[in-house]
N, C-alpha and C. Protein backbone atom coordinates (compact mmCIF):
# COMPACT_ATOMS: atom_id res chain seq x y z
N MET A 1 -10.74 32.81 -25.47
CA MET A 1 -9.91 32.51 -26.63
C MET A 1 -10.75 31.70 -27.61
N LYS A 2 -10.75 32.11 -28.86
CA LYS A 2 -11.50 31.38 -29.87
C LYS A 2 -10.75 30.12 -30.26
N LEU A 3 -11.51 29.07 -30.62
CA LEU A 3 -10.93 27.80 -31.01
C LEU A 3 -10.02 27.96 -32.23
N ILE A 4 -10.46 28.71 -33.24
CA ILE A 4 -9.65 28.86 -34.45
C ILE A 4 -8.34 29.58 -34.15
N THR A 5 -8.37 30.55 -33.24
CA THR A 5 -7.14 31.25 -32.84
C THR A 5 -6.18 30.28 -32.19
N LEU A 6 -6.71 29.39 -31.35
CA LEU A 6 -5.87 28.40 -30.69
C LEU A 6 -5.24 27.44 -31.70
N ILE A 7 -6.02 26.98 -32.65
CA ILE A 7 -5.49 26.03 -33.63
C ILE A 7 -4.40 26.66 -34.49
N LYS A 8 -4.51 27.96 -34.76
CA LYS A 8 -3.50 28.64 -35.57
C LYS A 8 -2.27 29.05 -34.76
N SER A 9 -2.33 28.90 -33.45
CA SER A 9 -1.22 29.34 -32.61
C SER A 9 -0.03 28.38 -32.75
N PRO A 10 1.18 28.85 -32.38
CA PRO A 10 2.37 27.99 -32.44
C PRO A 10 2.27 26.77 -31.54
N LEU A 11 1.41 26.84 -30.51
CA LEU A 11 1.22 25.69 -29.63
C LEU A 11 0.77 24.47 -30.41
N CYS A 12 -0.04 24.69 -31.43
CA CYS A 12 -0.58 23.59 -32.22
C CYS A 12 0.23 23.42 -33.50
N ARG A 13 1.44 22.92 -33.34
CA ARG A 13 2.27 22.67 -34.51
C ARG A 13 1.58 21.64 -35.40
N ARG A 14 1.97 21.57 -36.65
CA ARG A 14 1.34 20.67 -37.60
C ARG A 14 2.05 19.32 -37.67
N ASP A 15 2.38 18.77 -36.52
CA ASP A 15 2.93 17.43 -36.47
C ASP A 15 2.18 16.65 -35.39
N MET A 16 2.50 15.39 -35.25
CA MET A 16 1.74 14.55 -34.32
C MET A 16 1.85 15.08 -32.89
N ALA A 17 3.04 15.45 -32.45
CA ALA A 17 3.20 15.96 -31.08
C ALA A 17 2.40 17.24 -30.91
N GLY A 18 2.44 18.12 -31.88
CA GLY A 18 1.69 19.37 -31.80
C GLY A 18 0.20 19.13 -31.75
N ALA A 19 -0.27 18.18 -32.54
CA ALA A 19 -1.70 17.87 -32.54
C ALA A 19 -2.14 17.31 -31.19
N VAL A 20 -1.31 16.46 -30.61
CA VAL A 20 -1.64 15.88 -29.29
C VAL A 20 -1.63 16.98 -28.23
N ILE A 21 -0.62 17.86 -28.28
CA ILE A 21 -0.54 18.97 -27.33
C ILE A 21 -1.77 19.86 -27.48
N CYS A 22 -2.13 20.17 -28.72
CA CYS A 22 -3.29 21.02 -28.98
C CYS A 22 -4.56 20.37 -28.44
N LEU A 23 -4.75 19.09 -28.72
CA LEU A 23 -5.94 18.39 -28.24
C LEU A 23 -5.97 18.37 -26.71
N PHE A 24 -4.81 18.11 -26.09
CA PHE A 24 -4.73 18.10 -24.63
C PHE A 24 -5.11 19.47 -24.07
N PHE A 25 -4.59 20.53 -24.69
CA PHE A 25 -4.89 21.88 -24.24
C PHE A 25 -6.39 22.18 -24.38
N LEU A 26 -6.96 21.78 -25.51
CA LEU A 26 -8.38 22.00 -25.73
C LEU A 26 -9.22 21.29 -24.67
N VAL A 27 -8.80 20.08 -24.31
CA VAL A 27 -9.50 19.33 -23.27
C VAL A 27 -9.39 20.07 -21.94
N CYS A 28 -8.19 20.53 -21.62
CA CYS A 28 -7.97 21.20 -20.33
C CYS A 28 -8.77 22.49 -20.19
N VAL A 29 -8.89 23.25 -21.26
CA VAL A 29 -9.62 24.51 -21.15
C VAL A 29 -11.11 24.35 -21.41
N GLY A 30 -11.53 23.13 -21.68
CA GLY A 30 -12.96 22.88 -21.79
C GLY A 30 -13.55 23.08 -23.17
N PHE A 31 -12.71 23.26 -24.20
CA PHE A 31 -13.24 23.41 -25.55
C PHE A 31 -13.81 22.10 -26.07
N VAL A 32 -13.16 21.00 -25.74
CA VAL A 32 -13.51 19.74 -26.38
C VAL A 32 -14.30 18.81 -25.48
N LEU A 33 -13.87 18.64 -24.25
CA LEU A 33 -14.52 17.66 -23.39
C LEU A 33 -14.96 18.25 -22.05
N PRO A 34 -15.88 19.19 -22.06
CA PRO A 34 -16.35 19.66 -20.77
C PRO A 34 -17.14 18.55 -20.09
N CYS A 35 -17.13 18.58 -18.76
CA CYS A 35 -17.88 17.56 -18.02
C CYS A 35 -19.36 17.71 -18.35
N GLY A 36 -20.02 16.62 -18.55
CA GLY A 36 -21.43 16.68 -18.85
C GLY A 36 -21.93 15.40 -19.45
N VAL A 37 -23.19 15.40 -19.82
CA VAL A 37 -23.86 14.23 -20.34
C VAL A 37 -23.29 13.80 -21.68
N ASN A 38 -22.87 14.75 -22.50
CA ASN A 38 -22.46 14.46 -23.86
C ASN A 38 -20.96 14.25 -23.99
N ALA A 39 -20.27 13.86 -22.93
CA ALA A 39 -18.82 13.71 -22.97
C ALA A 39 -18.37 12.69 -24.02
N GLN A 40 -19.09 11.59 -24.16
CA GLN A 40 -18.71 10.58 -25.14
C GLN A 40 -18.85 11.13 -26.56
N GLU A 41 -19.95 11.81 -26.84
CA GLU A 41 -20.16 12.41 -28.15
C GLU A 41 -19.09 13.46 -28.44
N GLU A 42 -18.76 14.25 -27.44
CA GLU A 42 -17.74 15.26 -27.62
C GLU A 42 -16.37 14.62 -27.81
N GLY A 43 -16.17 13.44 -27.22
CA GLY A 43 -14.93 12.69 -27.46
C GLY A 43 -14.83 12.27 -28.91
N ALA A 44 -15.94 11.88 -29.51
CA ALA A 44 -15.96 11.53 -30.93
C ALA A 44 -15.62 12.75 -31.77
N GLU A 45 -16.20 13.90 -31.41
CA GLU A 45 -15.92 15.13 -32.15
C GLU A 45 -14.46 15.55 -31.99
N ALA A 46 -13.88 15.30 -30.82
CA ALA A 46 -12.46 15.61 -30.60
C ALA A 46 -11.59 14.74 -31.49
N GLN A 47 -11.93 13.46 -31.60
CA GLN A 47 -11.19 12.55 -32.49
C GLN A 47 -11.31 13.00 -33.94
N GLU A 48 -12.52 13.46 -34.31
CA GLU A 48 -12.72 13.95 -35.67
C GLU A 48 -11.82 15.16 -35.95
N LYS A 49 -11.77 16.10 -35.01
CA LYS A 49 -10.92 17.29 -35.17
C LYS A 49 -9.45 16.90 -35.27
N LEU A 50 -9.04 15.94 -34.45
CA LEU A 50 -7.67 15.46 -34.50
C LEU A 50 -7.39 14.82 -35.86
N GLY A 51 -8.36 14.07 -36.38
CA GLY A 51 -8.20 13.47 -37.71
C GLY A 51 -7.99 14.52 -38.79
N HIS A 52 -8.74 15.62 -38.70
CA HIS A 52 -8.58 16.68 -39.70
C HIS A 52 -7.22 17.37 -39.56
N LEU A 53 -6.71 17.49 -38.34
CA LEU A 53 -5.35 18.03 -38.15
C LEU A 53 -4.31 17.12 -38.82
N PHE A 54 -4.43 15.81 -38.59
CA PHE A 54 -3.51 14.86 -39.22
C PHE A 54 -3.64 14.91 -40.75
N LEU A 55 -4.86 15.02 -41.23
CA LEU A 55 -5.11 15.07 -42.67
C LEU A 55 -4.43 16.28 -43.29
N GLN A 56 -4.55 17.44 -42.64
CA GLN A 56 -3.91 18.66 -43.14
C GLN A 56 -2.40 18.51 -43.19
N LYS A 57 -1.83 17.79 -42.25
CA LYS A 57 -0.39 17.59 -42.20
C LYS A 57 0.08 16.55 -43.20
N GLY A 58 -0.84 15.73 -43.68
CA GLY A 58 -0.46 14.67 -44.61
C GLY A 58 -0.17 13.35 -43.91
N ASP A 59 -0.50 13.27 -42.62
CA ASP A 59 -0.31 12.03 -41.87
C ASP A 59 -1.59 11.21 -42.01
N TYR A 60 -1.66 10.45 -43.11
CA TYR A 60 -2.90 9.74 -43.43
C TYR A 60 -3.17 8.57 -42.50
N ASP A 61 -2.12 7.94 -41.98
CA ASP A 61 -2.33 6.85 -41.02
C ASP A 61 -2.88 7.40 -39.71
N GLY A 62 -2.32 8.51 -39.24
CA GLY A 62 -2.82 9.15 -38.02
C GLY A 62 -4.26 9.61 -38.19
N ALA A 63 -4.53 10.20 -39.36
CA ALA A 63 -5.89 10.67 -39.65
C ALA A 63 -6.86 9.50 -39.68
N ALA A 64 -6.46 8.42 -40.34
CA ALA A 64 -7.34 7.24 -40.43
C ALA A 64 -7.66 6.69 -39.04
N ALA A 65 -6.64 6.63 -38.19
CA ALA A 65 -6.85 6.10 -36.83
C ALA A 65 -7.80 7.01 -36.04
N ALA A 66 -7.63 8.32 -36.17
CA ALA A 66 -8.49 9.26 -35.44
C ALA A 66 -9.94 9.18 -35.95
N PHE A 67 -10.11 9.12 -37.26
CA PHE A 67 -11.47 9.03 -37.81
C PHE A 67 -12.13 7.72 -37.41
N GLU A 68 -11.37 6.62 -37.42
CA GLU A 68 -11.92 5.33 -37.01
C GLU A 68 -12.33 5.37 -35.53
N ALA A 69 -11.50 6.01 -34.69
CA ALA A 69 -11.84 6.13 -33.26
C ALA A 69 -13.13 6.93 -33.09
N ALA A 70 -13.27 8.00 -33.88
CA ALA A 70 -14.49 8.82 -33.80
C ALA A 70 -15.71 8.01 -34.24
N LEU A 71 -15.55 7.26 -35.31
CA LEU A 71 -16.68 6.48 -35.84
C LEU A 71 -17.02 5.29 -34.93
N LYS A 72 -16.04 4.81 -34.18
CA LYS A 72 -16.32 3.74 -33.23
C LYS A 72 -17.23 4.26 -32.11
N ILE A 73 -17.01 5.52 -31.71
CA ILE A 73 -17.85 6.13 -30.68
C ILE A 73 -19.21 6.50 -31.26
N ASN A 74 -19.19 7.10 -32.46
CA ASN A 74 -20.43 7.55 -33.09
C ASN A 74 -20.38 7.25 -34.59
N PRO A 75 -20.95 6.13 -35.02
CA PRO A 75 -20.92 5.75 -36.43
C PRO A 75 -21.66 6.73 -37.35
N GLN A 76 -22.46 7.62 -36.78
CA GLN A 76 -23.24 8.56 -37.58
C GLN A 76 -22.55 9.92 -37.74
N LEU A 77 -21.30 10.04 -37.30
CA LEU A 77 -20.58 11.31 -37.34
C LEU A 77 -20.14 11.59 -38.78
N LYS A 78 -20.91 12.43 -39.47
CA LYS A 78 -20.70 12.64 -40.91
C LYS A 78 -19.35 13.26 -41.24
N GLY A 79 -18.83 14.13 -40.39
CA GLY A 79 -17.53 14.75 -40.65
C GLY A 79 -16.40 13.73 -40.59
N ALA A 80 -16.50 12.78 -39.67
CA ALA A 80 -15.49 11.73 -39.57
C ALA A 80 -15.60 10.79 -40.77
N GLN A 81 -16.82 10.53 -41.20
CA GLN A 81 -17.04 9.67 -42.37
C GLN A 81 -16.44 10.32 -43.62
N THR A 82 -16.66 11.62 -43.78
CA THR A 82 -16.09 12.35 -44.92
C THR A 82 -14.58 12.37 -44.82
N GLY A 83 -14.05 12.60 -43.62
CA GLY A 83 -12.60 12.59 -43.43
C GLY A 83 -12.00 11.24 -43.79
N LYS A 84 -12.67 10.18 -43.40
CA LYS A 84 -12.21 8.83 -43.74
C LYS A 84 -12.16 8.67 -45.27
N GLY A 85 -13.17 9.19 -45.94
CA GLY A 85 -13.16 9.14 -47.41
C GLY A 85 -12.00 9.91 -48.01
N LEU A 86 -11.68 11.07 -47.45
CA LEU A 86 -10.55 11.86 -47.94
C LEU A 86 -9.22 11.13 -47.74
N VAL A 87 -9.09 10.44 -46.61
CA VAL A 87 -7.89 9.65 -46.36
C VAL A 87 -7.76 8.57 -47.44
N LEU A 88 -8.86 7.88 -47.71
CA LEU A 88 -8.83 6.81 -48.70
C LEU A 88 -8.48 7.33 -50.09
N ILE A 89 -8.97 8.52 -50.43
CA ILE A 89 -8.60 9.13 -51.72
C ILE A 89 -7.10 9.36 -51.76
N ASN A 90 -6.56 9.94 -50.70
CA ASN A 90 -5.13 10.22 -50.66
C ASN A 90 -4.28 8.97 -50.67
N LYS A 91 -4.83 7.86 -50.21
CA LYS A 91 -4.11 6.59 -50.24
C LYS A 91 -4.34 5.84 -51.56
N GLY A 92 -5.19 6.40 -52.43
CA GLY A 92 -5.42 5.79 -53.74
C GLY A 92 -6.49 4.73 -53.78
N ASP A 93 -7.23 4.54 -52.72
CA ASP A 93 -8.30 3.52 -52.67
C ASP A 93 -9.63 4.17 -53.06
N LEU A 94 -9.81 4.42 -54.35
CA LEU A 94 -10.97 5.16 -54.83
C LEU A 94 -12.27 4.38 -54.66
N ASN A 95 -12.24 3.06 -54.81
CA ASN A 95 -13.47 2.27 -54.68
C ASN A 95 -14.04 2.35 -53.27
N THR A 96 -13.18 2.14 -52.28
CA THR A 96 -13.65 2.23 -50.89
C THR A 96 -14.04 3.66 -50.55
N ALA A 97 -13.26 4.64 -51.06
CA ALA A 97 -13.57 6.05 -50.81
C ALA A 97 -14.96 6.39 -51.33
N GLU A 98 -15.29 5.90 -52.51
CA GLU A 98 -16.62 6.17 -53.07
C GLU A 98 -17.71 5.64 -52.15
N SER A 99 -17.55 4.43 -51.69
CA SER A 99 -18.55 3.82 -50.81
C SER A 99 -18.67 4.59 -49.49
N VAL A 100 -17.55 4.97 -48.90
CA VAL A 100 -17.55 5.71 -47.63
C VAL A 100 -18.20 7.08 -47.81
N LEU A 101 -17.88 7.76 -48.91
CA LEU A 101 -18.43 9.10 -49.14
C LEU A 101 -19.92 9.06 -49.46
N LYS A 102 -20.36 8.04 -50.15
CA LYS A 102 -21.80 7.89 -50.40
C LYS A 102 -22.54 7.66 -49.09
N GLU A 103 -21.92 6.91 -48.19
CA GLU A 103 -22.52 6.71 -46.87
C GLU A 103 -22.58 8.03 -46.10
N ALA A 104 -21.52 8.84 -46.23
CA ALA A 104 -21.51 10.16 -45.57
C ALA A 104 -22.65 11.03 -46.11
N LEU A 105 -22.90 10.95 -47.40
CA LEU A 105 -24.00 11.72 -47.99
C LEU A 105 -25.36 11.21 -47.53
N LEU A 106 -25.47 9.92 -47.26
CA LEU A 106 -26.73 9.39 -46.73
C LEU A 106 -26.99 9.90 -45.31
N LEU A 107 -25.90 10.07 -44.54
CA LEU A 107 -26.04 10.59 -43.18
C LEU A 107 -26.53 12.03 -43.20
N ASN A 108 -26.04 12.80 -44.16
CA ASN A 108 -26.45 14.20 -44.32
C ASN A 108 -26.24 14.54 -45.79
N PRO A 109 -27.30 14.60 -46.57
CA PRO A 109 -27.15 14.75 -48.01
C PRO A 109 -26.66 16.11 -48.49
N SER A 110 -26.30 17.02 -47.58
CA SER A 110 -25.90 18.33 -48.07
C SER A 110 -24.48 18.79 -47.76
N PRO A 111 -23.58 17.99 -47.21
CA PRO A 111 -22.26 18.53 -46.92
C PRO A 111 -21.44 18.74 -48.20
N SER A 112 -21.00 19.96 -48.38
CA SER A 112 -20.26 20.29 -49.60
C SER A 112 -18.94 19.54 -49.67
N LEU A 113 -18.27 19.31 -48.54
CA LEU A 113 -16.99 18.61 -48.56
C LEU A 113 -17.14 17.18 -49.06
N ALA A 114 -18.20 16.50 -48.69
CA ALA A 114 -18.42 15.13 -49.16
C ALA A 114 -18.65 15.11 -50.67
N HIS A 115 -19.40 16.10 -51.18
CA HIS A 115 -19.59 16.17 -52.63
C HIS A 115 -18.27 16.44 -53.35
N TYR A 116 -17.47 17.34 -52.78
CA TYR A 116 -16.16 17.64 -53.37
C TYR A 116 -15.29 16.39 -53.40
N ALA A 117 -15.23 15.67 -52.27
CA ALA A 117 -14.40 14.47 -52.19
C ALA A 117 -14.90 13.40 -53.15
N LEU A 118 -16.21 13.25 -53.26
CA LEU A 118 -16.74 12.27 -54.21
C LEU A 118 -16.40 12.69 -55.65
N GLY A 119 -16.41 13.99 -55.91
CA GLY A 119 -15.96 14.49 -57.21
C GLY A 119 -14.51 14.11 -57.48
N LEU A 120 -13.67 14.15 -56.45
CA LEU A 120 -12.26 13.75 -56.61
C LEU A 120 -12.14 12.27 -56.96
N VAL A 121 -13.01 11.45 -56.37
CA VAL A 121 -13.01 10.02 -56.70
C VAL A 121 -13.28 9.84 -58.18
N TYR A 122 -14.35 10.47 -58.66
CA TYR A 122 -14.71 10.33 -60.07
C TYR A 122 -13.65 10.92 -60.98
N GLU A 123 -13.07 12.05 -60.58
CA GLU A 123 -12.00 12.64 -61.38
C GLU A 123 -10.80 11.70 -61.46
N GLY A 124 -10.47 11.06 -60.35
CA GLY A 124 -9.35 10.11 -60.32
C GLY A 124 -9.57 8.92 -61.24
N ARG A 125 -10.81 8.58 -61.46
CA ARG A 125 -11.16 7.47 -62.37
C ARG A 125 -11.30 7.93 -63.82
N GLY A 126 -11.24 9.23 -64.05
CA GLY A 126 -11.45 9.75 -65.39
C GLY A 126 -12.92 9.89 -65.75
N ASP A 127 -13.80 9.77 -64.78
CA ASP A 127 -15.25 9.93 -64.99
C ASP A 127 -15.61 11.41 -64.78
N TYR A 128 -15.25 12.23 -65.78
CA TYR A 128 -15.38 13.68 -65.64
C TYR A 128 -16.83 14.17 -65.56
N PRO A 129 -17.78 13.58 -66.28
CA PRO A 129 -19.17 14.06 -66.12
C PRO A 129 -19.69 13.93 -64.68
N ASN A 130 -19.41 12.78 -64.04
CA ASN A 130 -19.85 12.62 -62.65
C ASN A 130 -19.04 13.48 -61.69
N ALA A 131 -17.76 13.68 -62.00
CA ALA A 131 -16.92 14.56 -61.17
C ALA A 131 -17.49 15.98 -61.20
N ILE A 132 -17.79 16.47 -62.39
CA ILE A 132 -18.33 17.82 -62.53
C ILE A 132 -19.67 17.93 -61.82
N LEU A 133 -20.50 16.91 -61.95
CA LEU A 133 -21.80 16.90 -61.27
C LEU A 133 -21.62 17.03 -59.75
N GLN A 134 -20.69 16.28 -59.18
CA GLN A 134 -20.45 16.35 -57.73
C GLN A 134 -19.86 17.70 -57.32
N PHE A 135 -18.93 18.23 -58.12
CA PHE A 135 -18.35 19.54 -57.80
C PHE A 135 -19.44 20.61 -57.83
N LYS A 136 -20.32 20.56 -58.83
CA LYS A 136 -21.42 21.53 -58.92
C LYS A 136 -22.37 21.39 -57.73
N GLU A 137 -22.65 20.15 -57.34
CA GLU A 137 -23.54 19.91 -56.20
C GLU A 137 -22.91 20.49 -54.92
N GLY A 138 -21.61 20.30 -54.76
CA GLY A 138 -20.91 20.85 -53.60
C GLY A 138 -20.96 22.37 -53.58
N ILE A 139 -20.80 23.00 -54.74
CA ILE A 139 -20.87 24.45 -54.83
C ILE A 139 -22.27 24.94 -54.49
N LYS A 140 -23.27 24.24 -55.02
CA LYS A 140 -24.66 24.60 -54.74
C LYS A 140 -24.94 24.49 -53.24
N LYS A 141 -24.46 23.44 -52.59
CA LYS A 141 -24.68 23.26 -51.15
C LYS A 141 -23.95 24.34 -50.36
N THR A 142 -22.74 24.72 -50.81
CA THR A 142 -21.99 25.77 -50.13
C THR A 142 -22.73 27.09 -50.21
N ARG A 143 -23.26 27.41 -51.36
CA ARG A 143 -24.01 28.64 -51.52
C ARG A 143 -25.28 28.64 -50.67
N GLY A 144 -25.80 27.43 -50.42
CA GLY A 144 -26.99 27.30 -49.58
C GLY A 144 -26.65 27.32 -48.09
N GLY A 145 -25.38 27.39 -47.76
CA GLY A 145 -24.97 27.49 -46.38
C GLY A 145 -24.65 26.18 -45.69
N SER A 146 -24.53 25.07 -46.42
CA SER A 146 -24.25 23.79 -45.82
C SER A 146 -22.82 23.40 -46.11
N LYS A 147 -22.10 22.97 -45.06
CA LYS A 147 -20.70 22.60 -45.27
C LYS A 147 -20.48 21.17 -44.97
């Protein structure tokens, strides 16, 4: 069973209980936490995925907690850092979001989502030239195959 098929299934409802059930199922079938040396790192990635599920549902507090848990395990996890920035944007904290997203870009200077989110920060401030610059950079990175 493919991971994306599982996430789109009715088992993984878009609420907190559904996200927990989905994560539990992923752990049980070995998608997220197979036994091995990298179990802690994979735990961070599982928290990151859970954060993105909460973010999609609009549960920003749940998403923030999941991203923080992921970053506590692995502070260099760029997807969790970007997710944290998206949560901050949605909560209206553009100054902190800018700082978090710039840090995400330092971890990996090519993720298109981080450029897009940073563009949203600048757009929210009315700084349209920098917003456009970040949106263009994100598009360029996407065309280059980096997400």
